[in-house]
Amino acid sequence: MVAYVGYSGALLDDGAVAVLRRLAERTRLVSAQQWEATRPTTLDQVSDFG
């Protein structure tokens, strides 16, 4: 599974930082070649949040 995680919206409090840290601990870096091998897709859309 490959995921890109962005964080926005709610305040970045201690609880949110703890969750993001636990998520980061379970990740691993991949090279550009490995990333391309996953055949990533993009979805362009307009944000309604200004």
N, C-alpha and C. Protein backbone atom coordinates (compact mmCIF):
# COMPACT_ATOMS: atom_id res chain seq x y z
N MET A 1 0.84 -1.16 0.00
CA MET A 1 0.00 0.00 0.00
C MET A 1 0.89 1.23 0.00
N VAL A 2 0.54 2.20 -0.80
CA VAL A 2 1.27 3.45 -0.86
C VAL A 2 0.32 4.57 -0.51
N ALA A 3 0.75 5.45 0.36
CA ALA A 3 -0.11 6.56 0.75
C ALA A 3 0.69 7.83 0.87
N TYR A 4 0.06 8.90 0.52
CA TYR A 4 0.59 10.23 0.75
C TYR A 4 -0.35 10.86 1.75
N VAL A 5 0.20 11.31 2.86
CA VAL A 5 -0.64 11.87 3.92
C VAL A 5 -0.41 13.36 4.02
N GLY A 6 -1.48 14.11 3.87
CA GLY A 6 -1.43 15.55 4.09
C GLY A 6 -2.27 15.87 5.31
N TYR A 7 -1.89 16.91 6.03
CA TYR A 7 -2.64 17.25 7.23
C TYR A 7 -3.09 18.70 7.13
N SER A 8 -4.37 18.91 7.28
CA SER A 8 -4.90 20.27 7.32
C SER A 8 -6.24 20.24 8.04
N GLY A 9 -6.71 21.39 8.37
CA GLY A 9 -8.03 21.46 8.99
C GLY A 9 -7.95 21.71 10.48
N ALA A 10 -8.07 20.65 11.25
CA ALA A 10 -8.10 20.77 12.71
C ALA A 10 -6.74 21.23 13.23
N LEU A 11 -6.78 21.74 14.44
CA LEU A 11 -5.54 22.18 15.08
C LEU A 11 -4.58 21.00 15.24
N LEU A 12 -3.31 21.29 15.11
CA LEU A 12 -2.28 20.26 15.26
C LEU A 12 -1.93 20.17 16.74
N ASP A 13 -2.77 19.47 17.50
CA ASP A 13 -2.55 19.35 18.93
C ASP A 13 -1.71 18.11 19.25
N ASP A 14 -1.44 17.88 20.51
CA ASP A 14 -0.59 16.76 20.91
C ASP A 14 -1.15 15.42 20.46
N GLY A 15 -2.48 15.25 20.50
CA GLY A 15 -3.09 14.00 20.07
C GLY A 15 -2.87 13.75 18.59
N ALA A 16 -3.04 14.79 17.77
CA ALA A 16 -2.84 14.64 16.33
C ALA A 16 -1.38 14.34 16.02
N VAL A 17 -0.48 15.01 16.71
CA VAL A 17 0.95 14.75 16.50
C VAL A 17 1.29 13.31 16.86
N ALA A 18 0.73 12.80 17.93
CA ALA A 18 0.99 11.42 18.35
C ALA A 18 0.52 10.43 17.29
N VAL A 19 -0.66 10.67 16.73
CA VAL A 19 -1.19 9.77 15.69
C VAL A 19 -0.31 9.83 14.45
N LEU A 20 0.06 11.03 14.01
CA LEU A 20 0.92 11.16 12.83
C LEU A 20 2.29 10.51 13.05
N ARG A 21 2.80 10.63 14.27
CA ARG A 21 4.08 10.01 14.59
C ARG A 21 4.01 8.49 14.52
N ARG A 22 2.92 7.91 15.05
CA ARG A 22 2.74 6.45 14.98
C ARG A 22 2.61 5.99 13.53
N LEU A 23 1.91 6.76 12.73
CA LEU A 23 1.79 6.43 11.31
C LEU A 23 3.17 6.48 10.64
N ALA A 24 3.94 7.50 10.92
CA ALA A 24 5.26 7.65 10.32
C ALA A 24 6.20 6.52 10.71
N GLU A 25 6.07 6.02 11.91
CA GLU A 25 6.95 4.94 12.38
C GLU A 25 6.76 3.66 11.59
N ARG A 26 5.59 3.50 10.95
CA ARG A 26 5.29 2.28 10.21
C ARG A 26 5.53 2.43 8.71
N THR A 27 6.17 3.50 8.30
CA THR A 27 6.37 3.75 6.87
C THR A 27 7.79 3.39 6.45
N ARG A 28 7.98 3.34 5.15
CA ARG A 28 9.33 3.17 4.61
C ARG A 28 9.44 3.99 3.34
N LEU A 29 10.63 4.50 3.09
CA LEU A 29 10.87 5.28 1.89
C LEU A 29 11.00 4.37 0.69
N VAL A 30 10.58 4.85 -0.45
CA VAL A 30 10.79 4.13 -1.70
C VAL A 30 11.50 5.05 -2.67
N SER A 31 12.25 4.45 -3.56
CA SER A 31 12.96 5.24 -4.57
C SER A 31 11.97 5.72 -5.63
N ALA A 32 12.40 6.64 -6.46
CA ALA A 32 11.55 7.13 -7.55
C ALA A 32 11.16 5.96 -8.47
N GLN A 33 12.10 5.06 -8.72
CA GLN A 33 11.81 3.91 -9.58
C GLN A 33 10.76 2.99 -8.93
N GLN A 34 10.88 2.75 -7.65
CA GLN A 34 9.89 1.93 -6.95
C GLN A 34 8.52 2.62 -6.96
N TRP A 35 8.50 3.92 -6.79
CA TRP A 35 7.24 4.66 -6.81
C TRP A 35 6.58 4.55 -8.17
N GLU A 36 7.35 4.77 -9.24
CA GLU A 36 6.80 4.68 -10.59
C GLU A 36 6.29 3.26 -10.88
N ALA A 37 6.92 2.26 -10.29
CA ALA A 37 6.50 0.88 -10.51
C ALA A 37 5.11 0.61 -9.93
N THR A 38 4.65 1.45 -9.00
CA THR A 38 3.31 1.27 -8.44
C THR A 38 2.24 1.82 -9.37
N ARG A 39 2.66 2.46 -10.45
CA ARG A 39 1.76 3.08 -11.43
C ARG A 39 0.78 4.03 -10.74
N PRO A 40 1.34 5.07 -10.07
CA PRO A 40 0.49 6.00 -9.34
C PRO A 40 -0.45 6.77 -10.27
N THR A 41 -1.59 7.13 -9.76
CA THR A 41 -2.54 7.94 -10.52
C THR A 41 -2.76 9.26 -9.78
N THR A 42 -3.22 10.24 -10.50
CA THR A 42 -3.54 11.52 -9.89
C THR A 42 -4.98 11.88 -10.21
N LEU A 43 -5.54 12.69 -9.36
CA LEU A 43 -6.90 13.18 -9.56
C LEU A 43 -6.86 14.69 -9.33
N ASP A 44 -7.01 15.45 -10.40
CA ASP A 44 -7.03 16.91 -10.29
C ASP A 44 -8.44 17.36 -10.01
N GLN A 45 -8.61 18.18 -8.99
CA GLN A 45 -9.93 18.68 -8.65
C GLN A 45 -9.80 20.04 -7.98
N VAL A 46 -10.85 20.78 -7.97
CA VAL A 46 -10.88 22.09 -7.36
C VAL A 46 -11.30 21.94 -5.90
N SER A 47 -10.60 22.64 -5.03
CA SER A 47 -10.94 22.62 -3.61
C SER A 47 -12.01 23.65 -3.33
N ASP A 48 -13.03 23.26 -2.61
CA ASP A 48 -14.09 24.18 -2.22
C ASP A 48 -13.75 24.95 -0.95
N PHE A 49 -12.56 24.72 -0.41
CA PHE A 49 -12.19 25.32 0.85
C PHE A 49 -11.37 26.59 0.69
N GLY A 50 -11.30 27.10 -0.54
CA GLY A 50 -10.66 28.38 -0.82
C GLY A 50 -9.23 28.33 -0.65
